[in-house]
C-alpha atoms as a PDB file:
ATOM      1  CA  MET A   1     -39.400-185.940 -94.692  1.00  0.00           C
ATOM      2  CA  SER A   2     -38.868-183.401 -97.464  1.00  0.00           C
ATOM      3  CA  TYR A   3     -36.908-183.988-100.642  1.00  0.00           C
ATOM      4  CA  GLY A   4     -37.736-180.705-102.286  1.00  0.00           C
ATOM      5  CA  PRO A   5     -39.143-178.404-103.083  1.00  0.00           C
ATOM      6  CA  ILE A   6     -39.623-180.308-106.321  1.00  0.00           C
ATOM      7  CA  TYR A   7     -39.815-178.465-109.644  1.00  0.00           C
ATOM      8  CA  ILE A   8     -40.155-179.517-113.262  1.00  0.00           C
ATOM      9  CA  ASP A   9     -36.600-179.197-114.543  1.00  0.00           C
ATOM     10  CA  HIS A  10     -37.101-180.223-118.163  1.00  0.00           C
ATOM     11  CA  ILE A  11     -39.012-182.329-120.632  1.00  0.00           C
ATOM     12  CA  GLY A  12     -36.788-184.528-122.790  1.00  0.00           C
ATOM     13  CA  ILE A  13     -37.730-184.951-126.438  1.00  0.00           C
ATOM     14  CA  ALA A  14     -36.106-187.597-128.625  1.00  0.00           C
ATOM     15  CA  ALA A  15     -35.073-186.144-131.989  1.00  0.00           C
ATOM     16  CA  LYS A  16     -33.263-187.647-134.950  1.00  0.00           C
ATOM     17  CA  HIS A  17     -31.348-184.412-135.603  1.00  0.00           C
ATOM     18  CA  LEU A  18     -30.943-181.489-133.203  1.00  0.00           C
ATOM     19  CA  ASP A  19     -30.641-178.866-135.932  1.00  0.00           C
ATOM     20  CA  GLU A  20     -33.792-180.003-137.761  1.00  0.00           C
ATOM     21  CA  ASN A  21     -35.813-179.963-134.542  1.00  0.00           C
ATOM     22  CA  SER A  22     -34.632-176.700-132.982  1.00  0.00           C
ATOM     23  CA  SER A  23     -36.348-173.996-135.021  1.00  0.00           C
ATOM     24  CA  PHE A  24     -39.828-174.466-133.488  1.00  0.00           C
ATOM     25  CA  TRP A  25     -38.520-173.954-129.947  1.00  0.00           C
ATOM     26  CA  ARG A  26     -36.742-170.741-130.976  1.00  0.00           C
ATOM     27  CA  LEU A  27     -39.812-169.542-132.916  1.00  0.00           C
ATOM     28  CA  ILE A  28     -42.036-169.731-129.836  1.00  0.00           C
ATOM     29  CA  GLY A  29     -39.504-167.710-127.839  1.00  0.00           C
ATOM     30  CA  LEU A  30     -37.442-170.254-125.933  1.00  0.00           C
ATOM     31  CA  THR A  31     -33.769-169.437-125.515  1.00  0.00           C
ATOM     32  CA  GLN A  32     -31.271-171.965-126.858  1.00  0.00           C
ATOM     33  CA  GLY A  33     -28.401-172.854-124.515  1.00  0.00           C
ATOM     34  CA  ASP A  34     -24.852-171.809-125.305  1.00  0.00           C
ATOM     35  CA  HIS A  35     -23.654-175.256-126.358  1.00  0.00           C
ATOM     36  CA  ASP A  36     -24.704-178.834-127.032  1.00  0.00           C
ATOM     37  CA  GLU A  37     -23.343-181.565-124.801  1.00  0.00           C
ATOM     38  CA  THR A  38     -22.551-185.180-125.614  1.00  0.00           C
ATOM     39  CA  VAL A  39     -23.013-187.577-122.706  1.00  0.00           C
ATOM     40  CA  GLU A  40     -20.968-190.567-123.833  1.00  0.00           C
ATOM     41  CA  ASP A  41     -22.226-193.144-121.327  1.00  0.00           C
ATOM     42  CA  GLN A  42     -25.831-192.375-122.308  1.00  0.00           C
ATOM     43  CA  GLY A  43     -25.080-192.241-126.043  1.00  0.00           C
ATOM     44  CA  VAL A  44     -26.775-188.892-126.516  1.00  0.00           C
ATOM     45  CA  THR A  45     -26.126-185.314-127.542  1.00  0.00           C
ATOM     46  CA  THR A  46     -28.343-182.799-125.742  1.00  0.00           C
ATOM     47  CA  ARG A  47     -29.493-179.287-126.554  1.00  0.00           C
ATOM     48  CA  PHE A  48     -31.438-177.271-123.992  1.00  0.00           C
ATOM     49  CA  PHE A  49     -33.986-174.499-124.521  1.00  0.00           C
ATOM     50  CA  SER A  50     -35.071-172.366-121.548  1.00  0.00           C
ATOM     51  CA  THR A  51     -38.501-170.977-120.861  1.00  0.00           C
ATOM     52  CA  SER A  52     -39.100-167.608-119.213  1.00  0.00           C
ATOM     53  CA  SER A  53     -39.326-167.521-115.445  1.00  0.00           C
ATOM     54  CA  HIS A  54     -41.660-165.257-113.529  1.00  0.00           C
ATOM     55  CA  ASN A  55     -40.817-166.821-110.158  1.00  0.00           C
ATOM     56  CA  GLU A  56     -37.236-166.144-109.153  1.00  0.00           C
ATOM     57  CA  GLU A  57     -37.311-168.839-106.444  1.00  0.00           C
ATOM     58  CA  ALA A  58     -38.139-171.668-108.881  1.00  0.00           C
ATOM     59  CA  PRO A  59     -35.713-172.927-111.520  1.00  0.00           C
ATOM     60  CA  VAL A  60     -36.507-172.146-115.137  1.00  0.00           C
ATOM     61  CA  ALA A  61     -38.180-175.104-116.890  1.00  0.00           C
ATOM     62  CA  LYS A  62     -36.451-176.302-120.051  1.00  0.00           C
ATOM     63  CA  ILE A  63     -36.936-178.417-123.140  1.00  0.00           C
ATOM     64  CA  GLU A  64     -34.106-180.879-123.774  1.00  0.00           C
ATOM     65  CA  LEU A  65     -33.687-182.216-127.304  1.00  0.00           C
ATOM     66  CA  LEU A  66     -31.993-185.606-127.311  1.00  0.00           C
ATOM     67  CA  GLU A  67     -30.137-186.824-130.412  1.00  0.00           C
ATOM     68  CA  PRO A  68     -28.693-190.351-130.278  1.00  0.00           C
ATOM     69  CA  THR A  69     -25.003-190.869-131.011  1.00  0.00           C
ATOM     70  CA  GLY A  70     -25.898-194.254-132.504  1.00  0.00           C
ATOM     71  CA  GLU A  71     -28.784-196.622-133.175  1.00  0.00           C
ATOM     72  CA  ASP A  72     -27.902-198.964-130.281  1.00  0.00           C
ATOM     73  CA  THR A  73     -28.252-196.287-127.574  1.00  0.00           C
ATOM     74  CA  PRO A  74     -31.275-195.671-125.331  1.00  0.00           C
ATOM     75  CA  ILE A  75     -32.455-192.725-127.475  1.00  0.00           C
ATOM     76  CA  GLY A  76     -31.601-194.553-130.708  1.00  0.00           C
ATOM     77  CA  LYS A  77     -33.723-197.507-129.576  1.00  0.00           C
ATOM     78  CA  PHE A  78     -36.504-195.174-128.430  1.00  0.00           C
ATOM     79  CA  LEU A  79     -36.609-193.518-131.866  1.00  0.00           C
ATOM     80  CA  SER A  80     -36.632-196.895-133.663  1.00  0.00           C
ATOM     81  CA  LYS A  81     -39.465-198.171-131.495  1.00  0.00           C
ATOM     82  CA  ARG A  82     -41.625-195.061-130.994  1.00  0.00           C
ATOM     83  CA  GLY A  83     -40.340-192.324-133.272  1.00  0.00           C
ATOM     84  CA  PRO A  84     -39.610-188.719-132.270  1.00  0.00           C
ATOM     85  CA  GLY A  85     -41.423-187.298-129.271  1.00  0.00           C
ATOM     86  CA  VAL A  86     -41.484-186.881-125.513  1.00  0.00           C
ATOM     87  CA  GLN A  87     -39.059-189.373-123.995  1.00  0.00           C
ATOM     88  CA  GLN A  88     -38.988-188.288-120.333  1.00  0.00           C
ATOM     89  CA  ILE A  89     -39.889-185.653-117.770  1.00  0.00           C
ATOM     90  CA  CYS A  90     -37.275-184.508-115.280  1.00  0.00           C
ATOM     91  CA  PHE A  91     -37.919-183.159-111.799  1.00  0.00           C
ATOM     92  CA  SER A  92     -35.358-181.104-109.895  1.00  0.00           C
ATOM     93  CA  VAL A  93     -35.172-182.190-106.249  1.00  0.00           C
ATOM     94  CA  GLY A  94     -33.323-180.984-103.182  1.00  0.00           C
ATOM     95  CA  ASP A  95     -32.230-184.416-101.874  1.00  0.00           C
ATOM     96  CA  LEU A  96     -31.843-186.973-104.663  1.00  0.00           C
ATOM     97  CA  THR A  97     -30.236-189.711-102.553  1.00  0.00           C
ATOM     98  CA  GLY A  98     -32.904-189.388 -99.870  1.00  0.00           C
ATOM     99  CA  LEU A  99     -35.720-189.422-102.414  1.00  0.00           C
ATOM    100  CA  LEU A 100     -34.328-192.530-104.155  1.00  0.00           C
ATOM    101  CA  ALA A 101     -34.163-194.349-100.808  1.00  0.00           C
ATOM    102  CA  HIS A 102     -37.737-193.259-100.002  1.00  0.00           C
ATOM    103  CA  LEU A 103     -39.007-194.453-103.383  1.00  0.00           C
ATOM    104  CA  ALA A 104     -37.222-197.821-103.080  1.00  0.00           C
ATOM    105  CA  GLU A 105     -38.606-198.320 -99.552  1.00  0.00           C
ATOM    106  CA  ASN A 106     -42.077-197.823-100.994  1.00  0.00           C
ATOM    107  CA  GLY A 107     -41.703-200.371-103.788  1.00  0.00           C
ATOM    108  CA  VAL A 108     -41.006-197.999-106.664  1.00  0.00           C
ATOM    109  CA  ARG A 109     -38.958-199.647-109.422  1.00  0.00           C
ATOM    110  CA  LEU A 110     -35.798-197.635-110.052  1.00  0.00           C
ATOM    111  CA  ILE A 111     -33.531-197.783-113.077  1.00  0.00           C
ATOM    112  CA  ASP A 112     -30.811-196.087-111.011  1.00  0.00           C
ATOM    113  CA  GLU A 113     -30.663-196.973-107.323  1.00  0.00           C
ATOM    114  CA  ALA A 114     -27.893-194.398-106.802  1.00  0.00           C
ATOM    115  CA  PRO A 115     -27.318-191.025-108.487  1.00  0.00           C
ATOM    116  CA  ARG A 116     -25.003-190.855-111.505  1.00  0.00           C
ATOM    117  CA  LEU A 117     -23.515-188.023-113.546  1.00  0.00           C
ATOM    118  CA  GLY A 118     -25.748-186.595-116.282  1.00  0.00           C
ATOM    119  CA  ALA A 119     -25.843-183.634-118.680  1.00  0.00           C
ATOM    120  CA  GLY A 120     -24.661-180.320-117.308  1.00  0.00           C
ATOM    121  CA  GLY A 121     -22.660-182.056-114.591  1.00  0.00           C
ATOM    122  CA  LYS A 122     -25.812-182.736-112.542  1.00  0.00           C
ATOM    123  CA  MET A 123     -26.394-185.885-110.555  1.00  0.00           C
ATOM    124  CA  ILE A 124     -29.395-187.766-111.960  1.00  0.00           C
ATOM    125  CA  ALA A 125     -31.357-190.985-111.567  1.00  0.00           C
ATOM    126  CA  PHE A 126     -34.201-192.561-113.533  1.00  0.00           C
ATOM    127  CA  VAL A 127     -37.428-194.132-112.297  1.00  0.00           C
ATOM    128  CA  HIS A 128     -38.783-197.027-114.365  1.00  0.00           C
ATOM    129  CA  PRO A 129     -41.972-196.255-116.344  1.00  0.00           C
ATOM    130  CA  SER A 130     -43.693-199.319-114.842  1.00  0.00           C
ATOM    131  CA  SER A 131     -43.907-197.424-111.534  1.00  0.00           C
ATOM    132  CA  THR A 132     -45.052-194.079-112.951  1.00  0.00           C
ATOM    133  CA  GLY A 133     -47.965-194.942-115.205  1.00  0.00           C
ATOM    134  CA  GLY A 134     -45.820-195.359-118.310  1.00  0.00           C
ATOM    135  CA  VAL A 135     -43.685-192.205-118.109  1.00  0.00           C
ATOM    136  CA  LEU A 136     -39.893-192.323-117.820  1.00  0.00           C
ATOM    137  CA  VAL A 137     -39.089-189.977-114.929  1.00  0.00           C
ATOM    138  CA  GLU A 138     -35.658-188.467-114.433  1.00  0.00           C
ATOM    139  CA  LEU A 139     -34.767-186.967-111.061  1.00  0.00           C
ATOM    140  CA  SER A 140     -32.029-184.349-110.915  1.00  0.00           C
ATOM    141  CA  GLN A 141     -30.188-182.986-107.870  1.00  0.00           C
ATOM    142  CA  ARG A 142     -30.183-179.192-107.689  1.00  0.00           C
ATOM    143  CA  SER A 143     -26.751-177.665-107.154  1.00  0.00           C
END
């Protein structure tokens, strides 16, 4: 039963303002994506920065800055409660639906029991931090 290979897709960082939090990532040599994207149902605007890849078979790992569209959104609440910082880690998987079923069968608490549409048009699902040692984990289906 294989749901991968599994790669780190991105690390999501909650930020109050994308523009104020972007310069560091450019200064260390990450490449900013062509455009920001607002995901209305998640109440967030995202900006991705890509790392370099030395392995052509693995996807390029990214940093995703997350700016809330309002205070009463998941990222808005995260910022109010914890301040700016790492909000989640996302893994790219080959079979998202199969992996979600496998996790549920093994007692893992899921926020999303079925994939839903996320940034970049990818299907995503979240695993509750209570099942991961306190880390919000996003799973993303590779195209």
